[in-house]
Amino acid sequence: MQSWTALRLTGFDLGIFDQAVRAYAHFELPRSPIKNVHHEFPPGFSLLGDHFTPALALLAPLYWVWDDPRVLLFAQAALFAVGVPVVRRIARHCFAGADPLVVRRAADLGGLVYAVGWPLLNSSYNGFHEVAFAVPFTLLMLERGLARRYGAAACWALLLCATKEDMGLVAGAFGLVLAVRAHRAGDRTGRATGVALALVGPLVSALAITWFLPAMGGPEGYYWSYGSLGADPGSALTHVLTAPWVLLQVSVTPFVKVAMLAWILGTLALLPLGSPTFLLAVPLLAERVLSDNPNHWPVINHYDAFLWPILVTASLETLARFHRNRRTAARRWALTALALSSAAAVVLGLGLLVRPDFWTPSPDKRPLATAAELIPDGATVEADNTIAPRLTARTDVVIADAVPRGADWVLLRVENRTFPFASTDDQAARAELLLAHGYTEVWRQDGTVLLHRTTRTPIPGMRVPGPDSTPVREAVPEDVGANLLLR
């Protein structure tokens, strides 16, 4: 809510998810004009062709109660909070047989570290994403596995597959770990469940990527970000088989990838490495360190929240093993992990909550909220990415970008750079172009302009995606991925 109040939440991505879930609430496929128009997807393109996220439909009834983007923020907070008692149960499973005081302390500290974990704070800071479901589903899968409730564990694993197309790999890794543990314990039911999940999880991911997404209109190779390995999956596999050292080379270049891994594991004092459960994190980490997309490298986005349930569970399992063997070492390691994770949480989230300047919009953003109130309901709008979520509930809004779209209203900053423009000069040029071709300036304040289209004069370069549009990928700014903690 601090990010909402301070106008930090934007069309990419809160506006996109708001439009998608609102469509579900009207019993339609999840479509987002913000996504479709900016990336030149056809008008009817469904976000199910972008990512395999059918779990988002579970949020649709909330819009029947409150039709507002903030409902997603509260829903995500609630879904994260669901994990607290689950983590406490995981701690009790791990420390079963220990003194009651030790069990209680493990549950208390495990729940605390999870609840104020910097990955959850970062994800909340940046708005809403499908990770909202992935976090509790992963925890419930792990907890039911430790409780040897294999049917329930399998159900949560399958639900996890419905949160994003790559989560089947996590479910498959969970099945592998479950099968090995059950085999060692002589548990035939657990072994069978684990083997089934180890096969089904990756199969679901493969079907989602190769069949479902294309069937829903997803362009082939649109999200392929592994050009350092090959131009496509086939050539990448051939490259890796013939020169396996390329995996290590790509994983450490640029060095920010190494820093990312050090931060993720170091803030828990390397404890996750002591448990087989860490295997579940390997596919997600590999996706990021092998990626050419700089957005995947910093630790200030929502991607680490996918890892957080796995890392916390693995840490608790490692501490429990240490406790059984060396009581003093376990205590010291636990305190180190608590100190490091708490320090990271303060730097990346908790500290911001007590800073008054983070509760108010910056001077360049305040006029956007004022101008947005002047736009009538039902209008078509090209809006600054920063203000787009404030308009999704009552207008047909897309974000203003490099291409004029001919909307009735255009709300834009011209003195402060905004995504996806490359410079403020481009933003100012856009306003001048529109003023010369049918738009009238109806409001201006502190570098923010609100334009209204009064005549249908042709606009040079204007384009609205049609049925045969070819999707385009986002050009990542040069400063992204250069700094581990750059917001």
Protein backbone atom coordinates (compact mmCIF):
# COMPACT_ATOMS: atom_id res chain seq x y z
CA MET A 1 0.00 0.00 0.00
CA GLN A 2 2.97 2.30 0.53
CA SER A 3 3.97 1.70 -3.09
CA TRP A 4 0.41 2.43 -4.24
CA THR A 5 0.24 5.64 -2.24
CA ALA A 6 3.64 6.78 -3.52
CA LEU A 7 2.73 6.03 -7.15
CA ARG A 8 5.47 3.42 -7.51
CA LEU A 9 3.14 0.76 -8.95
CA THR A 10 2.83 0.94 -12.71
CA GLY A 11 1.00 -0.35 -15.74
CA PHE A 12 3.82 -2.86 -16.13
CA ASP A 13 2.90 -5.01 -14.25
CA LEU A 14 0.07 -4.16 -11.84
CA GLY A 15 -2.07 -2.66 -14.60
CA ILE A 16 -1.62 -5.76 -16.73
CA PHE A 17 -2.65 -8.17 -13.96
CA ASP A 18 -5.55 -5.93 -12.98
CA GLN A 19 -6.95 -5.96 -16.52
CA ALA A 20 -6.42 -9.73 -16.75
CA VAL A 21 -8.13 -10.67 -13.50
CA ARG A 22 -10.94 -8.19 -14.15
CA ALA A 23 -11.55 -10.02 -17.44
CA TYR A 24 -11.75 -13.31 -15.51
CA ALA A 25 -14.31 -11.64 -13.22
CA HIS A 26 -16.46 -10.98 -16.31
CA PHE A 27 -16.09 -14.63 -17.39
CA GLU A 28 -13.74 -13.73 -20.21
CA LEU A 29 -10.24 -14.85 -21.12
CA PRO A 30 -7.57 -12.77 -19.36
CA ARG A 31 -6.74 -9.96 -21.77
CA SER A 32 -4.72 -6.84 -21.13
CA PRO A 33 -4.81 -3.90 -23.56
CA ILE A 34 -1.72 -2.51 -21.80
CA LYS A 35 0.28 -5.62 -22.67
CA ASN A 36 -1.26 -6.21 -26.08
CA VAL A 37 -0.93 -2.71 -27.47
CA HIS A 38 2.57 -1.97 -26.18
CA HIS A 39 4.01 -5.27 -27.39
CA GLU A 40 1.94 -5.26 -30.61
CA PHE A 41 -0.05 -8.40 -29.81
CA PRO A 42 -3.37 -8.85 -31.65
CA PRO A 43 -6.32 -7.20 -29.85
CA GLY A 44 -7.88 -10.49 -28.72
CA PHE A 45 -4.64 -12.02 -27.46
CA SER A 46 -5.04 -13.73 -24.10
CA LEU A 47 -2.38 -13.56 -21.42
CA LEU A 48 -2.69 -17.35 -21.23
CA GLY A 49 -0.63 -17.29 -24.42
CA ASP A 50 1.98 -15.20 -22.64
CA HIS A 51 2.39 -17.22 -19.45
CA PHE A 52 0.63 -20.34 -18.15
CA THR A 53 -1.10 -18.75 -15.14
CA PRO A 54 -4.65 -20.20 -14.84
CA ALA A 55 -4.37 -19.95 -11.03
CA LEU A 56 -5.02 -16.21 -11.37
CA ALA A 57 -8.66 -17.02 -12.11
CA LEU A 58 -9.06 -17.86 -8.41
CA LEU A 59 -8.89 -14.12 -7.67
CA ALA A 60 -11.83 -13.21 -9.93
CA PRO A 61 -14.52 -13.33 -7.19
CA LEU A 62 -12.66 -10.60 -5.28
CA TYR A 63 -13.54 -8.17 -8.08
CA TRP A 64 -17.23 -8.84 -7.49
CA VAL A 65 -16.69 -7.34 -4.03
CA TRP A 66 -14.25 -4.52 -4.85
CA ASP A 67 -13.43 -3.63 -8.46
CA ASP A 68 -10.08 -1.99 -7.81
CA PRO A 69 -6.41 -2.88 -8.53
CA ARG A 70 -5.65 -2.69 -4.82
CA VAL A 71 -7.61 -5.88 -4.29
CA LEU A 72 -4.66 -7.69 -5.86
CA LEU A 73 -2.25 -6.12 -3.37
CA PHE A 74 -4.32 -7.27 -0.41
CA ALA A 75 -4.78 -10.71 -1.97
CA GLN A 76 -1.04 -11.12 -2.44
CA ALA A 77 -0.38 -10.02 1.13
CA ALA A 78 -2.91 -12.57 2.38
CA LEU A 79 -1.43 -15.34 0.25
CA PHE A 80 2.05 -14.56 1.55
CA ALA A 81 0.70 -14.49 5.11
CA VAL A 82 -0.82 -17.95 4.66
CA GLY A 83 2.75 -19.21 4.56
CA VAL A 84 3.54 -18.19 8.15
CA PRO A 85 1.66 -21.03 9.91
CA VAL A 86 2.80 -23.42 7.19
CA VAL A 87 6.45 -22.54 7.83
CA ARG A 88 5.84 -23.07 11.54
CA ARG A 89 4.52 -26.57 10.81
CA ILE A 90 7.54 -27.24 8.59
CA ALA A 91 9.82 -26.25 11.47
CA ARG A 92 7.97 -28.63 13.80
CA HIS A 93 8.36 -31.47 11.31
CA CYS A 94 12.08 -30.76 10.94
CA PHE A 95 12.72 -30.56 14.69
CA ALA A 96 10.44 -33.45 15.63
CA GLY A 97 11.90 -35.22 18.64
CA ALA A 98 13.77 -32.18 19.93
CA ASP A 99 13.00 -30.48 23.25
CA PRO A 100 9.66 -28.60 23.18
CA LEU A 101 11.47 -25.31 23.80
CA VAL A 102 13.74 -25.91 20.79
CA VAL A 103 10.77 -26.80 18.61
CA ARG A 104 8.90 -23.66 19.67
CA ARG A 105 11.91 -21.43 19.02
CA ALA A 106 12.50 -23.02 15.63
CA ALA A 107 8.85 -22.44 14.69
CA ASP A 108 8.89 -18.84 15.95
CA LEU A 109 12.14 -17.87 14.25
CA GLY A 110 11.33 -19.78 11.05
CA GLY A 111 7.97 -18.01 10.77
CA LEU A 112 9.57 -14.65 11.48
CA VAL A 113 12.37 -15.02 8.92
CA TYR A 114 9.87 -16.14 6.29
CA ALA A 115 7.33 -13.40 7.02
CA VAL A 116 9.76 -10.48 6.77
CA GLY A 117 11.92 -12.11 4.12
CA TRP A 118 13.45 -9.63 1.70
CA PRO A 119 12.13 -11.54 -1.36
CA LEU A 120 8.54 -11.07 -0.15
CA LEU A 121 9.21 -7.41 0.64
CA ASN A 122 10.64 -6.84 -2.83
CA SER A 123 7.71 -8.56 -4.47
CA SER A 124 5.27 -6.43 -2.48
CA TYR A 125 7.25 -3.28 -3.26
CA ASN A 126 6.85 -4.00 -6.99
CA GLY A 127 3.11 -4.72 -6.89
CA PHE A 128 1.40 -7.97 -7.83
CA HIS A 129 2.65 -11.01 -9.75
CA GLU A 130 1.73 -14.67 -10.17
CA VAL A 131 4.29 -15.46 -7.46
CA ALA A 132 1.49 -14.63 -5.00
CA PHE A 133 0.15 -18.16 -5.55
CA ALA A 134 3.49 -19.87 -6.10
CA VAL A 135 4.71 -19.03 -2.58
CA PRO A 136 1.91 -20.66 -0.53
CA PHE A 137 1.47 -23.55 -2.98
CA THR A 138 5.18 -24.39 -2.74
CA LEU A 139 5.11 -24.25 1.05
CA LEU A 140 2.01 -26.42 1.29
CA MET A 141 3.55 -28.96 -1.09
CA LEU A 142 6.71 -29.13 1.01
CA GLU A 143 4.86 -29.30 4.32
CA ARG A 144 2.54 -32.08 3.20
CA GLY A 145 5.53 -33.99 1.91
CA LEU A 146 7.27 -33.75 5.28
CA ALA A 147 4.01 -34.83 6.96
CA ARG A 148 3.88 -37.85 4.61
CA ARG A 149 0.46 -36.80 3.35
CA TYR A 150 1.38 -37.71 -0.17
CA GLY A 151 -2.01 -37.26 -1.83
CA ALA A 152 -2.27 -33.69 -0.54
CA ALA A 153 1.37 -33.02 -1.49
CA ALA A 154 0.66 -34.18 -5.03
CA CYS A 155 -2.43 -31.95 -5.26
CA TRP A 156 -0.47 -28.88 -4.16
CA ALA A 157 2.29 -29.78 -6.61
CA LEU A 158 -0.21 -29.88 -9.47
CA LEU A 159 -1.72 -26.57 -8.37
CA LEU A 160 1.79 -25.14 -8.30
CA CYS A 161 2.16 -26.10 -11.97
CA ALA A 162 -0.81 -23.82 -12.71
CA THR A 163 0.95 -20.70 -11.38
CA LYS A 164 3.54 -20.43 -14.17
CA GLU A 165 4.83 -22.64 -16.94
CA ASP A 166 8.23 -23.34 -15.36
CA MET A 167 6.93 -24.37 -11.94
CA GLY A 168 6.43 -27.91 -13.20
CA LEU A 169 10.22 -28.19 -12.99
CA VAL A 170 10.03 -27.34 -9.29
CA ALA A 171 7.28 -29.92 -8.79
CA GLY A 172 9.41 -32.48 -10.63
CA ALA A 173 12.44 -31.75 -8.45
CA PHE A 174 10.22 -32.09 -5.37
CA GLY A 175 9.08 -35.48 -6.64
CA LEU A 176 12.68 -36.60 -7.08
CA VAL A 177 13.65 -35.55 -3.54
CA LEU A 178 10.48 -37.13 -2.14
CA ALA A 179 11.14 -40.40 -3.98
CA VAL A 180 14.72 -40.68 -2.71
CA ARG A 181 13.76 -39.89 0.88
CA ALA A 182 10.83 -42.31 0.81
CA HIS A 183 13.01 -45.04 -0.70
CA ARG A 184 15.56 -44.67 2.09
CA ALA A 185 12.73 -44.87 4.65
CA GLY A 186 11.17 -47.89 2.97
CA ASP A 187 7.97 -45.94 2.26
CA ARG A 188 6.52 -47.37 -0.93
CA THR A 189 3.64 -44.91 -1.19
CA GLY A 190 5.96 -41.94 -0.86
CA ARG A 191 8.36 -43.39 -3.40
CA ALA A 192 5.57 -43.98 -5.93
CA THR A 193 4.19 -40.47 -5.41
CA GLY A 194 7.64 -38.97 -5.80
CA VAL A 195 8.39 -40.86 -9.00
CA ALA A 196 5.03 -39.84 -10.45
CA LEU A 197 5.64 -36.16 -9.67
CA ALA A 198 9.20 -36.34 -10.99
CA LEU A 199 7.71 -37.39 -14.33
CA VAL A 200 4.48 -35.39 -14.39
CA GLY A 201 5.92 -32.03 -13.28
CA PRO A 202 8.40 -31.59 -16.15
CA LEU A 203 5.81 -33.04 -18.54
CA VAL A 204 3.31 -30.34 -17.53
CA SER A 205 5.94 -27.66 -18.11
CA ALA A 206 6.86 -29.14 -21.48
CA LEU A 207 3.22 -29.29 -22.58
CA ALA A 208 2.54 -25.76 -21.35
CA ILE A 209 5.53 -24.34 -23.24
CA THR A 210 5.37 -26.36 -26.44
CA TRP A 211 1.61 -26.82 -26.83
CA PHE A 212 -0.61 -24.70 -24.57
CA LEU A 213 1.08 -21.31 -24.98
CA PRO A 214 1.26 -21.61 -28.80
CA ALA A 215 -2.33 -22.85 -28.87
CA MET A 216 -3.36 -19.66 -27.05
CA GLY A 217 -1.52 -17.54 -29.60
CA GLY A 218 1.86 -17.24 -27.92
CA PRO A 219 4.60 -16.52 -30.50
CA GLU A 220 7.28 -19.18 -30.76
CA GLY A 221 10.52 -18.21 -29.06
CA TYR A 222 9.14 -14.91 -27.74
CA TYR A 223 10.66 -15.42 -24.30
CA TRP A 224 13.78 -17.26 -25.40
CA SER A 225 16.49 -15.39 -23.47
CA TYR A 226 19.36 -17.83 -23.84
CA GLY A 227 21.09 -16.60 -26.97
CA SER A 228 24.48 -17.21 -25.35
CA LEU A 229 23.68 -20.93 -25.49
CA GLY A 230 21.91 -21.04 -28.84
CA ALA A 231 19.31 -19.44 -31.06
CA ASP A 232 16.64 -21.93 -29.95
CA PRO A 233 16.29 -24.86 -27.51
CA GLY A 234 17.59 -27.38 -30.04
CA SER A 235 20.75 -25.48 -30.87
CA ALA A 236 21.30 -24.66 -27.20
CA LEU A 237 21.14 -28.35 -26.27
CA THR A 238 23.60 -29.22 -29.03
CA HIS A 239 25.93 -26.45 -27.87
CA VAL A 240 25.83 -27.62 -24.25
CA LEU A 241 26.41 -31.27 -25.17
CA THR A 242 29.39 -30.45 -27.35
CA ALA A 243 30.86 -27.76 -25.11
CA PRO A 244 29.48 -28.24 -21.57
CA TRP A 245 31.85 -25.65 -20.12
CA VAL A 246 29.73 -22.97 -21.77
CA LEU A 247 27.24 -23.38 -18.91
CA LEU A 248 29.79 -22.21 -16.36
CA GLN A 249 31.01 -19.45 -18.64
CA VAL A 250 27.53 -18.02 -19.16
CA SER A 251 26.60 -18.46 -15.48
CA VAL A 252 29.35 -16.14 -14.26
CA THR A 253 29.18 -13.53 -17.03
CA PRO A 254 28.58 -10.74 -16.17
CA PHE A 255 29.78 -10.91 -12.58
CA VAL A 256 26.47 -9.58 -11.23
CA LYS A 257 25.15 -13.14 -11.66
CA VAL A 258 27.72 -14.39 -9.14
CA ALA A 259 26.77 -11.55 -6.81
CA MET A 260 23.12 -12.55 -7.16
CA LEU A 261 23.81 -16.13 -6.07
CA ALA A 262 26.02 -14.93 -3.22
CA TRP A 263 23.28 -12.60 -1.97
CA ILE A 264 20.48 -15.18 -2.27
CA LEU A 265 22.41 -17.89 -0.41
CA GLY A 266 24.53 -15.67 1.81
CA THR A 267 21.58 -13.93 3.45
CA LEU A 268 20.66 -17.33 4.90
CA ALA A 269 24.28 -18.12 5.84
CA LEU A 270 24.49 -20.78 3.08
CA LEU A 271 22.12 -23.02 5.07
CA PRO A 272 19.96 -23.99 2.06
CA LEU A 273 22.94 -25.82 0.53
CA GLY A 274 22.83 -28.35 3.37
CA SER A 275 19.49 -29.87 2.38
CA PRO A 276 18.36 -31.89 -0.67
CA THR A 277 15.35 -29.57 -0.81
CA PHE A 278 17.66 -26.97 -2.35
CA LEU A 279 17.43 -29.05 -5.54
CA LEU A 280 13.99 -27.49 -6.08
CA ALA A 281 15.62 -24.08 -6.47
CA VAL A 282 18.15 -25.21 -9.08
CA PRO A 283 15.84 -24.92 -12.14
CA LEU A 284 14.75 -21.41 -11.14
CA LEU A 285 18.31 -20.27 -10.47
CA ALA A 286 19.54 -21.83 -13.71
CA GLU A 287 16.87 -19.94 -15.66
CA ARG A 288 18.26 -16.68 -14.31
CA VAL A 289 22.03 -17.18 -14.43
CA LEU A 290 21.86 -18.62 -17.95
CA SER A 291 19.56 -15.85 -19.17
CA ASP A 292 20.64 -12.95 -21.39
CA ASN A 293 17.83 -10.79 -19.98
CA PRO A 294 19.34 -8.32 -17.46
CA ASN A 295 16.00 -8.11 -15.63
CA HIS A 296 16.68 -11.60 -14.25
CA TRP A 297 19.94 -10.71 -12.49
CA PRO A 298 19.20 -8.13 -9.74
CA VAL A 299 17.60 -9.16 -6.44
CA ILE A 300 15.10 -6.30 -6.28
CA ASN A 301 12.44 -7.86 -8.52
CA HIS A 302 9.83 -10.50 -7.68
CA TYR A 303 11.80 -13.48 -9.01
CA ASP A 304 13.42 -14.31 -5.66
CA ALA A 305 10.02 -14.78 -4.04
CA PHE A 306 9.61 -17.99 -6.07
CA LEU A 307 12.73 -19.25 -4.29
CA TRP A 308 11.93 -18.08 -0.79
CA PRO A 309 9.73 -21.03 0.38
CA ILE A 310 12.37 -23.47 -0.87
CA LEU A 311 15.26 -21.62 0.75
CA VAL A 312 13.53 -21.24 4.12
CA THR A 313 12.49 -24.90 4.21
CA ALA A 314 15.95 -26.10 3.21
CA SER A 315 17.50 -23.89 5.89
CA LEU A 316 15.24 -25.33 8.58
CA GLU A 317 16.09 -28.86 7.49
CA THR A 318 19.80 -28.10 7.62
CA LEU A 319 19.53 -26.52 11.06
CA ALA A 320 17.59 -29.52 12.34
CA ARG A 321 20.33 -31.85 11.14
CA PHE A 322 22.98 -29.66 12.74
CA HIS A 323 20.99 -29.64 15.99
CA ARG A 324 20.87 -33.40 16.08
CA ASN A 325 24.65 -33.55 15.67
CA ARG A 326 26.16 -30.37 17.13
CA ARG A 327 23.88 -28.25 19.32
CA THR A 328 26.27 -25.27 19.66
CA ALA A 329 27.00 -25.06 15.93
CA ALA A 330 23.28 -25.16 15.13
CA ARG A 331 22.56 -22.26 17.46
CA ARG A 332 25.37 -20.12 16.07
CA TRP A 333 24.44 -20.83 12.48
CA ALA A 334 20.79 -20.07 13.18
CA LEU A 335 21.66 -16.73 14.77
CA THR A 336 23.94 -15.86 11.83
CA ALA A 337 21.19 -16.61 9.31
CA LEU A 338 18.69 -14.63 11.39
CA ALA A 339 21.03 -11.64 11.56
CA LEU A 340 21.88 -11.67 7.85
CA SER A 341 18.31 -12.16 6.63
CA SER A 342 17.04 -9.48 9.02
CA ALA A 343 19.68 -7.01 7.84
CA ALA A 344 18.74 -7.70 4.21
CA ALA A 345 15.05 -7.22 5.06
CA VAL A 346 15.76 -3.84 6.65
CA VAL A 347 17.79 -2.67 3.64
CA LEU A 348 15.33 -3.91 1.02
CA GLY A 349 11.99 -3.16 2.61
CA LEU A 350 11.41 -2.70 6.31
CA GLY A 351 13.58 0.40 6.48
CA LEU A 352 11.51 2.06 3.77
CA LEU A 353 8.33 1.78 5.83
CA VAL A 354 9.60 4.26 8.43
CA ARG A 355 10.80 6.84 5.91
CA PRO A 356 8.14 9.54 5.39
CA ASP A 357 9.45 10.38 1.90
CA PHE A 358 8.60 6.85 0.75
CA TRP A 359 4.94 7.35 1.68
CA THR A 360 4.37 10.27 -0.70
CA PRO A 361 4.73 10.57 -4.47
CA SER A 362 7.79 12.35 -5.78
CA PRO A 363 7.12 15.91 -7.04
CA ASP A 364 7.14 14.79 -10.69
CA LYS A 365 4.48 12.13 -10.02
CA ARG A 366 1.98 14.11 -7.98
CA PRO A 367 0.50 15.99 -10.95
CA LEU A 368 -0.27 12.66 -12.65
CA ALA A 369 -2.83 11.79 -9.97
CA THR A 370 -4.46 15.21 -10.28
CA ALA A 371 -4.66 15.02 -14.06
CA ALA A 372 -6.03 11.47 -14.01
CA GLU A 373 -9.11 12.72 -12.15
CA LEU A 374 -9.90 15.00 -15.11
CA ILE A 375 -10.26 12.07 -17.54
CA PRO A 376 -13.89 10.95 -17.92
CA ASP A 377 -15.02 7.38 -17.29
CA GLY A 378 -15.09 5.12 -20.33
CA ALA A 379 -12.55 7.18 -22.29
CA THR A 380 -9.70 5.73 -24.30
CA VAL A 381 -6.41 6.81 -22.75
CA GLU A 382 -2.68 6.65 -23.42
CA ALA A 383 -1.22 7.19 -19.98
CA ASP A 384 2.15 7.50 -18.37
CA ASN A 385 3.12 4.03 -17.15
CA THR A 386 3.19 5.37 -13.59
CA ILE A 387 -0.47 6.39 -13.49
CA ALA A 388 -1.96 3.59 -15.62
CA PRO A 389 -3.15 1.42 -12.67
CA ARG A 390 -5.24 4.36 -11.39
CA LEU A 391 -7.20 4.30 -14.65
CA THR A 392 -7.71 0.61 -15.43
CA ALA A 393 -10.93 0.30 -13.42
CA ARG A 394 -12.80 3.07 -15.24
CA THR A 395 -11.17 3.72 -18.64
CA ASP A 396 -9.81 1.83 -21.63
CA VAL A 397 -6.18 2.57 -20.90
CA VAL A 398 -2.87 1.63 -22.51
CA ILE A 399 0.55 3.04 -21.69
CA ALA A 400 2.02 5.84 -23.76
CA ASP A 401 4.98 4.51 -25.71
CA ALA A 402 7.03 5.18 -28.84
CA VAL A 403 4.02 4.77 -31.16
CA PRO A 404 0.94 7.07 -31.15
CA ARG A 405 -2.29 5.08 -30.70
CA GLY A 406 -4.88 7.77 -31.33
CA ALA A 407 -6.57 7.66 -27.90
CA ASP A 408 -9.05 10.35 -26.86
CA TRP A 409 -6.81 11.40 -23.98
CA VAL A 410 -3.04 11.36 -23.48
CA LEU A 411 -1.49 11.89 -20.04
CA LEU A 412 2.27 12.16 -20.07
CA ARG A 413 5.28 13.58 -18.25
CA VAL A 414 7.66 15.53 -20.48
CA GLU A 415 10.40 16.51 -18.03
CA ASN A 416 11.05 13.22 -16.21
CA ARG A 417 11.84 9.99 -18.03
CA THR A 418 9.20 7.30 -17.84
CA PHE A 419 9.08 3.73 -19.14
CA PRO A 420 9.26 2.82 -22.01
CA PHE A 421 10.63 6.06 -23.50
CA ALA A 422 14.38 6.29 -24.02
CA SER A 423 14.61 9.96 -22.98
CA THR A 424 12.62 12.99 -21.91
CA ASP A 425 13.30 14.48 -25.33
CA ASP A 426 11.27 11.64 -26.85
CA GLN A 427 8.44 12.35 -24.43
CA ALA A 428 8.42 16.06 -25.21
CA ALA A 429 8.52 15.30 -28.93
CA ARG A 430 5.49 13.04 -28.54
CA ALA A 431 3.50 15.82 -26.91
CA GLU A 432 4.50 18.30 -29.62
CA LEU A 433 3.56 15.81 -32.36
CA LEU A 434 0.10 15.31 -30.89
CA LEU A 435 -0.48 19.02 -30.38
CA ALA A 436 0.27 19.55 -34.05
CA HIS A 437 -2.11 16.82 -35.16
CA GLY A 438 -5.52 17.17 -33.58
CA TYR A 439 -4.85 17.35 -29.82
CA THR A 440 -5.44 20.25 -27.46
CA GLU A 441 -3.63 20.82 -24.19
CA VAL A 442 -6.23 20.96 -21.42
CA TRP A 443 -3.98 20.82 -18.37
CA ARG A 444 -0.28 21.27 -17.55
CA GLN A 445 1.60 21.31 -14.27
CA ASP A 446 5.23 20.67 -13.26
CA GLY A 447 6.15 18.87 -16.46
CA THR A 448 2.94 16.82 -16.75
CA VAL A 449 0.56 17.43 -19.67
CA LEU A 450 -2.96 16.22 -20.33
CA LEU A 451 -4.00 16.29 -23.98
CA HIS A 452 -7.47 15.79 -25.46
CA ARG A 453 -8.07 14.79 -29.08
CA THR A 454 -10.45 17.33 -30.56
CA THR A 455 -10.10 16.59 -34.28
CA ARG A 456 -9.38 13.39 -36.20
CA THR A 457 -6.33 14.76 -37.97
CA PRO A 458 -4.09 11.87 -39.11
CA ILE A 459 -1.16 11.38 -36.73
CA PRO A 460 2.19 10.50 -38.36
CA GLY A 461 3.37 7.08 -37.22
CA MET A 462 0.09 6.18 -35.55
CA ARG A 463 -0.51 2.45 -35.33
CA VAL A 464 -3.03 0.27 -33.51
CA PRO A 465 -2.28 -3.49 -33.43
CA GLY A 466 -4.57 -5.52 -35.65
CA PRO A 467 -5.35 -9.23 -36.06
CA ASP A 468 -2.11 -9.79 -38.01
CA SER A 469 0.18 -7.83 -35.70
CA THR A 470 3.66 -9.22 -35.06
CA PRO A 471 4.60 -9.07 -31.35
CA VAL A 472 7.76 -7.17 -30.48
CA ARG A 473 10.06 -7.69 -27.52
CA GLU A 474 10.98 -5.00 -25.04
CA ALA A 475 14.36 -3.31 -25.46
CA VAL A 476 16.00 -3.49 -22.03
CA PRO A 477 17.65 -0.20 -20.91
CA GLU A 478 21.42 -0.33 -20.56
CA ASP A 479 21.40 0.38 -16.82
CA VAL A 480 19.23 -2.63 -15.97
CA GLY A 481 21.16 -5.57 -14.56
CA ALA A 482 24.31 -3.55 -13.91
CA ASN A 483 23.61 -3.20 -10.19
CA LEU A 484 22.38 -5.92 -7.87
CA LEU A 485 20.28 -3.57 -5.73
CA LEU A 486 19.35 -0.77 -8.17
CA ARG A 487 15.65 0.08 -8.02
